[in-house]
């Protein structure tokens, strides 16, 4: 079958793919087991990515970013999927938190904090989810009370990615005066009220740091409130979640495609009952189905990527469709592919096993799929 090439790819992105592939093969894949044991990556690899210009690529150069496009980030996501890695926090640390700052911060605020995020000197953690609810962001209970030139924030957060390594934390709380949900940029080293709770033990994605966070009379300068472009949840934050969901859909299809590649390669070599596993008709039928579904998902996200690059806005229903459909297919396809490995598919030394355990959460974060189907239904 003729190799598929996304319509948004070009020579510049081809060159980036070569650099990204080399980076993940040399600087990330060999350390996967070490990072899973320690529950986080080594900071040095983040700096190396920054030195290579692989972080914040879609952010304008005037803010310290790479001046590229969303497509540059997608190439990185695809190459990370190729080595079955989720420890390197590219999605939350480069595609997520920095865009929250870009979206809601003033020019002065973005210029103050973005360059060190792009260079890899700093990590950022987005502190949004609370123990009382995840997908229902509007019900957040953390409060921010104005006291002179500061806000005092109290509350608790959970499932916070990169919390123990964060230099900056973007904390969402409800302004007690306006009742608006507002994000505040917290410089962690200067903020004793930002307290780490338990490191959370997850089903998968063991190489990326996830913690509880407690905000105990956390004092933040009033100038750190992010009100420069969008005010409140109804504008900027909705746009941000839509972007996040498209990113999750991209990673879902990239890992599904990788699972099919691994299964095809394995079944063509694995001998059973005097023939290869590939020689069984059921194997070919099942993998044909998986490859077809992965291709359908690829075409859908390529359509969305092309629209993003053309400057169009992806609405809530479309991003929800992409996230729900692609993550559900991701989990089904990886499960089908793992089955062909037999007992070896259950061994963590095989990449297919890593893809399997890391995929499950994709249907939960970024908005649980059941909640997002409600978003789709409202648009019908």
Protein backbone atom coordinates (compact mmCIF):
# COMPACT_ATOMS: atom_id res chain seq x y z
CA UNK A 1 0.00 0.00 0.00
CA UNK A 2 1.28 3.46 -0.89
CA UNK A 3 2.53 5.31 2.22
CA UNK A 4 0.13 8.03 3.35
CA UNK A 5 1.40 11.60 3.49
CA UNK A 6 -0.60 14.25 5.30
CA UNK A 7 -1.56 17.15 3.01
CA UNK A 8 -0.10 19.71 5.42
CA UNK A 9 3.40 18.20 5.33
CA UNK A 10 6.16 20.09 3.50
CA UNK A 11 9.95 20.03 3.20
CA UNK A 12 10.49 22.07 6.35
CA UNK A 13 8.35 19.65 8.34
CA UNK A 14 10.17 16.70 6.76
CA UNK A 15 13.44 18.15 8.09
CA UNK A 16 11.87 18.64 11.51
CA UNK A 17 10.73 15.01 11.50
CA UNK A 18 14.32 13.87 10.97
CA UNK A 19 15.50 15.99 13.91
CA UNK A 20 12.60 14.93 16.13
CA UNK A 21 13.09 11.24 15.33
CA UNK A 22 16.77 11.44 16.13
CA UNK A 23 16.00 13.26 19.39
CA UNK A 24 13.44 10.73 20.60
CA UNK A 25 15.56 7.74 19.59
CA UNK A 26 18.74 9.09 21.19
CA UNK A 27 17.61 11.25 24.12
CA UNK A 28 14.28 9.75 25.17
CA UNK A 29 13.75 6.07 24.32
CA UNK A 30 16.94 4.77 26.03
CA UNK A 31 15.88 6.30 29.35
CA UNK A 32 12.25 5.16 29.39
CA UNK A 33 12.68 2.55 32.12
CA UNK A 34 14.72 4.90 34.32
CA UNK A 35 12.07 7.62 34.08
CA UNK A 36 9.25 5.18 34.82
CA UNK A 37 11.08 4.11 37.99
CA UNK A 38 11.67 7.66 39.20
CA UNK A 39 8.29 8.95 38.03
CA UNK A 40 9.63 11.89 36.02
CA UNK A 41 12.11 12.78 33.33
CA UNK A 42 15.55 14.25 33.91
CA UNK A 43 15.50 18.01 33.56
CA UNK A 44 18.52 17.91 31.25
CA UNK A 45 16.56 16.31 28.42
CA UNK A 46 14.01 19.13 28.54
CA UNK A 47 16.83 21.65 28.19
CA UNK A 48 18.24 19.70 25.24
CA UNK A 49 14.86 19.87 23.52
CA UNK A 50 14.85 23.62 24.09
CA UNK A 51 18.34 23.98 22.68
CA UNK A 52 17.22 22.16 19.53
CA UNK A 53 14.22 24.48 19.18
CA UNK A 54 11.74 21.65 19.74
CA UNK A 55 9.68 23.39 22.44
CA UNK A 56 6.96 26.02 21.94
CA UNK A 57 7.48 25.79 18.20
CA UNK A 58 4.08 27.24 17.35
CA UNK A 59 4.60 30.36 19.47
CA UNK A 60 5.78 33.60 17.88
CA UNK A 61 9.47 34.44 17.93
CA UNK A 62 8.81 37.78 19.65
CA UNK A 63 7.76 35.78 22.72
CA UNK A 64 10.75 33.43 22.52
CA UNK A 65 9.01 30.65 20.61
CA UNK A 66 9.93 29.00 17.34
CA UNK A 67 7.59 30.98 15.11
CA UNK A 68 6.23 27.80 13.53
CA UNK A 69 2.74 26.35 13.25
CA UNK A 70 0.53 23.77 14.89
CA UNK A 71 1.84 21.29 12.31
CA UNK A 72 5.33 21.53 13.82
CA UNK A 73 3.91 20.35 17.13
CA UNK A 74 1.99 17.51 15.49
CA UNK A 75 5.22 16.17 13.97
CA UNK A 76 6.73 16.00 17.46
CA UNK A 77 3.65 14.23 18.80
CA UNK A 78 3.87 11.65 16.01
CA UNK A 79 7.56 10.99 16.57
CA UNK A 80 7.04 10.59 20.30
CA UNK A 81 4.32 8.03 19.57
CA UNK A 82 6.73 6.15 17.34
CA UNK A 83 8.94 5.30 20.33
CA UNK A 84 5.89 4.53 22.52
CA UNK A 85 6.84 7.24 24.99
CA UNK A 86 4.64 9.32 27.28
CA UNK A 87 7.26 10.37 29.86
CA UNK A 88 8.65 13.32 27.90
CA UNK A 89 6.01 15.95 28.73
CA UNK A 90 5.79 17.56 25.31
CA UNK A 91 1.99 17.83 25.22
CA UNK A 92 1.42 19.40 28.67
CA UNK A 93 4.72 21.29 28.82
CA UNK A 94 4.94 22.64 25.28
CA UNK A 95 1.47 22.34 23.71
CA UNK A 96 -0.54 22.98 26.86
CA UNK A 97 0.62 25.30 29.63
CA UNK A 98 2.55 27.76 27.42
CA UNK A 99 -0.56 28.30 25.31
CA UNK A 100 -2.60 29.04 28.41
CA UNK A 101 -0.12 31.82 29.16
CA UNK A 102 -0.13 33.01 25.55
CA UNK A 103 -3.91 33.01 25.39
CA UNK A 104 -4.67 34.80 28.63
CA UNK A 105 -1.56 36.80 29.45
CA UNK A 106 -0.72 40.35 28.45
CA UNK A 107 2.20 41.01 26.11
CA UNK A 108 4.30 41.96 29.11
CA UNK A 109 3.39 38.77 30.98
CA UNK A 110 4.05 36.53 28.00
CA UNK A 111 7.43 38.17 27.35
CA UNK A 112 8.29 37.77 31.02
CA UNK A 113 7.71 34.03 31.31
CA UNK A 114 7.57 32.46 27.85
CA UNK A 115 11.26 32.59 26.82
CA UNK A 116 12.38 30.24 29.60
CA UNK A 117 9.56 27.83 28.76
CA UNK A 118 10.68 27.75 25.13
CA UNK A 119 14.34 27.33 26.04
CA UNK A 120 13.62 24.41 28.34
CA UNK A 121 14.94 26.24 31.40
CA UNK A 122 11.53 26.14 33.06
CA UNK A 123 8.70 23.66 33.42
CA UNK A 124 5.08 24.78 33.72
CA UNK A 125 2.20 22.99 35.42
CA UNK A 126 -1.47 23.77 34.72
CA UNK A 127 -3.39 23.51 38.00
CA UNK A 128 -7.04 23.27 37.01
CA UNK A 129 -8.61 19.94 38.04
CA UNK A 130 -9.95 19.62 41.58
CA UNK A 131 -10.88 16.57 43.69
CA UNK A 132 -14.57 17.54 43.52
CA UNK A 133 -14.70 17.33 39.74
CA UNK A 134 -12.64 17.13 36.58
CA UNK A 135 -14.63 17.65 33.40
CA UNK A 136 -16.98 20.16 35.06
CA UNK A 137 -14.49 23.04 35.13
CA UNK A 138 -17.18 25.63 35.81
CA UNK A 139 -17.69 24.20 39.29
CA UNK A 140 -14.13 24.90 40.50
CA UNK A 141 -14.03 25.80 44.19
CA UNK A 142 -10.54 27.27 44.66
CA UNK A 143 -10.91 30.93 45.66
CA UNK A 144 -8.77 34.00 45.02
CA UNK A 145 -9.36 36.93 47.38
CA UNK A 146 -7.84 40.33 46.66
CA UNK A 147 -5.80 41.78 49.52
CA UNK A 148 -4.06 44.97 48.48
CA UNK A 149 -1.48 44.22 45.80
CA UNK A 150 -1.90 40.46 46.16
CA UNK A 151 -4.41 37.69 45.72
CA UNK A 152 -4.67 35.03 48.41
CA UNK A 153 -5.61 31.68 46.89
CA UNK A 154 -6.99 28.71 48.80
CA UNK A 155 -8.10 25.33 47.52
CA UNK A 156 -6.82 21.98 46.34
CA UNK A 157 -5.93 20.52 42.95
CA UNK A 158 -5.37 16.97 41.81
CA UNK A 159 -3.98 15.03 38.83
CA UNK A 160 -1.51 17.88 38.26
CA UNK A 161 1.07 16.93 35.66
CA UNK A 162 4.68 18.01 36.30
CA UNK A 163 3.75 19.53 39.66
CA UNK A 164 6.92 18.44 41.46
CA UNK A 165 9.19 19.82 38.74
CA UNK A 166 7.30 23.00 37.92
CA UNK A 167 9.05 26.36 38.06
CA UNK A 168 5.80 28.04 37.06
CA UNK A 169 2.24 27.00 37.83
CA UNK A 170 -0.82 28.40 36.12
CA UNK A 171 -3.47 28.15 38.84
CA UNK A 172 -7.15 28.59 38.06
CA UNK A 173 -9.34 29.94 40.85
CA UNK A 174 -12.57 31.87 41.29
CA UNK A 175 -12.13 35.58 41.93
CA UNK A 176 -14.19 36.23 45.05
CA UNK A 177 -15.06 39.77 43.91
CA UNK A 178 -16.14 39.10 40.31
CA UNK A 179 -16.99 35.38 40.63
CA UNK A 180 -15.01 34.86 37.40
CA UNK A 181 -12.68 31.93 36.88
CA UNK A 182 -9.25 33.47 36.49
CA UNK A 183 -5.79 32.03 35.95
CA UNK A 184 -2.85 33.20 38.04
CA UNK A 185 0.81 32.65 37.24
CA UNK A 186 2.63 31.32 40.29
CA UNK A 187 6.41 31.36 40.58
CA UNK A 188 6.74 28.20 42.64
CA UNK A 189 10.11 28.82 44.30
CA UNK A 190 8.81 32.12 45.71
CA UNK A 191 5.47 30.69 46.85
CA UNK A 192 5.47 28.73 50.14
CA UNK A 193 1.67 28.46 49.93
CA UNK A 194 2.03 26.16 46.90
CA UNK A 195 2.34 22.76 48.57
CA UNK A 196 2.81 19.35 46.99
CA UNK A 197 0.61 16.51 48.15
CA UNK A 198 0.94 12.84 47.27
CA UNK A 199 2.62 11.63 44.15
CA UNK A 200 -0.22 9.74 42.48
CA UNK A 201 0.32 6.16 41.31
CA UNK A 202 -1.33 5.77 37.91
CA UNK A 203 -2.38 2.79 35.80
CA UNK A 204 -0.08 3.96 33.00
CA UNK A 205 2.10 6.91 32.00
CA UNK A 206 4.40 6.14 34.91
CA UNK A 207 7.26 8.24 33.58
CA UNK A 208 5.46 11.56 33.94
CA UNK A 209 5.02 13.30 37.28
CA UNK A 210 1.45 13.57 38.63
CA UNK A 211 0.67 15.04 42.06
CA UNK A 212 -1.90 16.51 44.36
CA UNK A 213 -1.40 20.22 45.06
CA UNK A 214 -2.66 22.21 48.03
CA UNK A 215 -3.04 25.98 47.90
CA UNK A 216 -2.78 27.24 51.47
CA UNK A 217 -2.97 31.03 51.71
CA UNK A 218 -1.00 31.12 48.48
CA UNK A 219 -0.03 34.76 47.93
CA UNK A 220 0.30 35.85 44.31
CA UNK A 221 1.07 39.39 43.13
CA UNK A 222 -2.01 40.98 41.56
CA UNK A 223 0.08 41.63 38.46
CA UNK A 224 0.29 37.85 37.97
CA UNK A 225 -3.43 37.55 37.23
CA UNK A 226 -3.73 36.62 33.55
CA UNK A 227 -6.26 39.09 32.18
CA UNK A 228 -4.44 40.47 29.17
CA UNK A 229 -6.44 38.99 26.30
CA UNK A 230 -9.39 36.92 27.46
CA UNK A 231 -11.40 37.45 30.60
CA UNK A 232 -13.15 34.59 32.31
CA UNK A 233 -13.90 31.00 31.46
CA UNK A 234 -16.40 31.67 28.67
CA UNK A 235 -13.87 33.03 26.19
CA UNK A 236 -10.22 32.11 26.43
CA UNK A 237 -10.44 28.89 28.38
CA UNK A 238 -12.99 27.29 26.08
CA UNK A 239 -10.73 27.96 23.10
CA UNK A 240 -7.83 26.44 24.99
CA UNK A 241 -9.69 23.23 25.80
CA UNK A 242 -10.67 22.83 22.15
CA UNK A 243 -7.02 23.01 21.15
CA UNK A 244 -6.07 20.52 23.85
CA UNK A 245 -8.63 18.03 22.58
CA UNK A 246 -7.35 18.20 19.02
CA UNK A 247 -3.84 17.56 20.37
CA UNK A 248 -5.11 14.49 22.26
CA UNK A 249 -6.80 13.24 19.09
CA UNK A 250 -3.53 13.62 17.19
CA UNK A 251 -1.61 11.60 19.77
CA UNK A 252 -4.37 8.97 19.81
CA UNK A 253 -4.18 8.31 16.08
CA UNK A 254 -0.39 8.41 16.04
CA UNK A 255 -0.20 5.70 18.70
CA UNK A 256 -2.92 3.64 17.01
CA UNK A 257 -0.95 3.75 13.76
CA UNK A 258 2.17 2.69 15.60
CA UNK A 259 0.34 -0.23 17.20
CA UNK A 260 -0.73 -1.47 13.77
CA UNK A 261 2.85 -1.21 12.49
CA UNK A 262 4.16 -3.18 15.46
CA UNK A 263 1.49 -5.87 15.07
CA UNK A 264 2.05 -6.31 11.34
CA UNK A 265 5.80 -6.59 11.86
CA UNK A 266 5.40 -9.10 14.70
CA UNK A 267 2.80 -11.34 13.07
CA UNK A 268 4.84 -11.64 9.88
CA UNK A 269 7.74 -13.05 11.91
CA UNK A 270 5.99 -15.04 14.64
CA UNK A 271 5.71 -18.76 13.81
CA UNK A 272 2.67 -20.78 14.92
CA UNK A 273 1.60 -24.27 13.86
CA UNK A 274 4.08 -24.38 11.00
CA UNK A 275 3.28 -20.96 9.54
CA UNK A 276 3.52 -17.31 10.49
CA UNK A 277 0.75 -15.70 12.47
CA UNK A 278 0.21 -13.40 9.48
CA UNK A 279 -0.72 -16.41 7.35
CA UNK A 280 -3.94 -16.89 9.31
CA UNK A 281 -6.87 -15.20 7.62
CA UNK A 282 -8.23 -13.88 10.91
CA UNK A 283 -4.98 -12.02 11.56
CA UNK A 284 -5.10 -10.26 8.21
CA UNK A 285 -8.80 -9.38 8.59
CA UNK A 286 -8.38 -7.94 12.08
CA UNK A 287 -5.33 -5.90 11.18
CA UNK A 288 -7.00 -4.69 8.00
CA UNK A 289 -9.87 -3.39 10.14
CA UNK A 290 -7.46 -1.69 12.54
CA UNK A 291 -5.49 -0.08 9.73
CA UNK A 292 -8.70 1.18 8.11
CA UNK A 293 -9.99 2.77 11.29
CA UNK A 294 -6.62 4.39 11.98
CA UNK A 295 -6.59 5.83 8.46
CA UNK A 296 -10.10 7.24 8.87
CA UNK A 297 -8.98 8.94 12.07
CA UNK A 298 -5.86 10.23 10.34
CA UNK A 299 -7.89 11.85 7.57
CA UNK A 300 -10.20 13.49 10.11
CA UNK A 301 -7.41 15.04 12.17
CA UNK A 302 -5.55 16.07 9.00
CA UNK A 303 -8.71 17.94 8.01
CA UNK A 304 -8.70 19.74 11.38
CA UNK A 305 -4.97 20.45 11.26
CA UNK A 306 -5.30 21.96 7.79
CA UNK A 307 -8.09 24.21 9.03
CA UNK A 308 -6.06 25.31 12.07
CA UNK A 309 -3.17 26.20 9.78
CA UNK A 310 -5.55 28.18 7.57
CA UNK A 311 -6.48 30.28 10.59
CA UNK A 312 -9.92 28.80 11.14
CA UNK A 313 -11.40 28.22 14.59
CA UNK A 314 -12.21 24.65 15.58
CA UNK A 315 -15.40 24.75 17.64
CA UNK A 316 -16.25 22.74 20.73
CA UNK A 317 -18.31 20.10 18.96
CA UNK A 318 -15.64 19.37 16.35
CA UNK A 319 -12.83 19.13 18.88
CA UNK A 320 -15.04 16.89 21.02
CA UNK A 321 -15.76 14.64 18.03
CA UNK A 322 -12.04 14.34 17.31
CA UNK A 323 -11.09 13.61 20.90
CA UNK A 324 -13.83 11.09 21.64
CA UNK A 325 -13.71 9.14 18.37
CA UNK A 326 -9.93 9.02 18.09
CA UNK A 327 -9.28 8.01 21.71
CA UNK A 328 -11.92 5.28 21.61
CA UNK A 329 -10.45 3.90 18.40
CA UNK A 330 -6.96 4.22 19.88
CA UNK A 331 -7.88 2.01 22.82
CA UNK A 332 -9.72 -0.55 20.65
CA UNK A 333 -6.98 -0.76 18.03
CA UNK A 334 -4.16 -1.11 20.55
CA UNK A 335 -6.10 -3.80 22.41
CA UNK A 336 -6.68 -5.74 19.17
CA UNK A 337 -3.01 -5.42 18.20
CA UNK A 338 -1.74 -6.48 21.62
CA UNK A 339 -3.72 -9.72 21.35
CA UNK A 340 -1.55 -10.88 18.46
CA UNK A 341 1.50 -10.79 20.72
CA UNK A 342 0.00 -13.39 23.04
CA UNK A 343 1.72 -13.51 26.43
CA UNK A 344 4.50 -11.27 25.17
CA UNK A 345 1.96 -8.49 24.67
CA UNK A 346 1.46 -8.46 28.44
CA UNK A 347 5.17 -7.95 29.10
CA UNK A 348 6.23 -4.34 29.64
CA UNK A 349 9.46 -4.85 27.70
CA UNK A 350 7.37 -4.84 24.52
CA UNK A 351 6.33 -1.40 23.22
CA UNK A 352 2.81 -2.64 22.50
CA UNK A 353 2.28 -3.18 26.25
CA UNK A 354 3.43 0.36 26.99
CA UNK A 355 1.04 1.73 24.37
CA UNK A 356 -1.77 -0.26 25.97
CA UNK A 357 -1.39 0.95 29.56
CA UNK A 358 -0.70 4.54 28.52
CA UNK A 359 -3.75 4.78 26.25
CA UNK A 360 -6.52 4.26 28.78
CA UNK A 361 -6.39 7.73 30.31
CA UNK A 362 -6.85 9.36 26.91
CA UNK A 363 -10.60 8.77 27.21
CA UNK A 364 -10.62 10.59 30.56
CA UNK A 365 -8.41 13.68 30.58
CA UNK A 366 -9.05 16.68 28.40
CA UNK A 367 -12.74 16.19 29.22
CA UNK A 368 -14.17 12.73 29.81
CA UNK A 369 -15.58 11.30 26.58
CA UNK A 370 -19.06 10.97 28.04
CA UNK A 371 -19.12 14.67 28.94
CA UNK A 372 -17.80 15.64 25.51
CA UNK A 373 -20.53 13.67 23.78
CA UNK A 374 -22.92 15.99 25.56
CA UNK A 375 -21.10 18.92 23.93
CA UNK A 376 -21.57 17.26 20.55
CA UNK A 377 -25.25 16.62 21.22
CA UNK A 378 -25.89 20.27 22.08
CA UNK A 379 -24.58 21.28 18.65
CA UNK A 380 -26.89 18.95 16.73
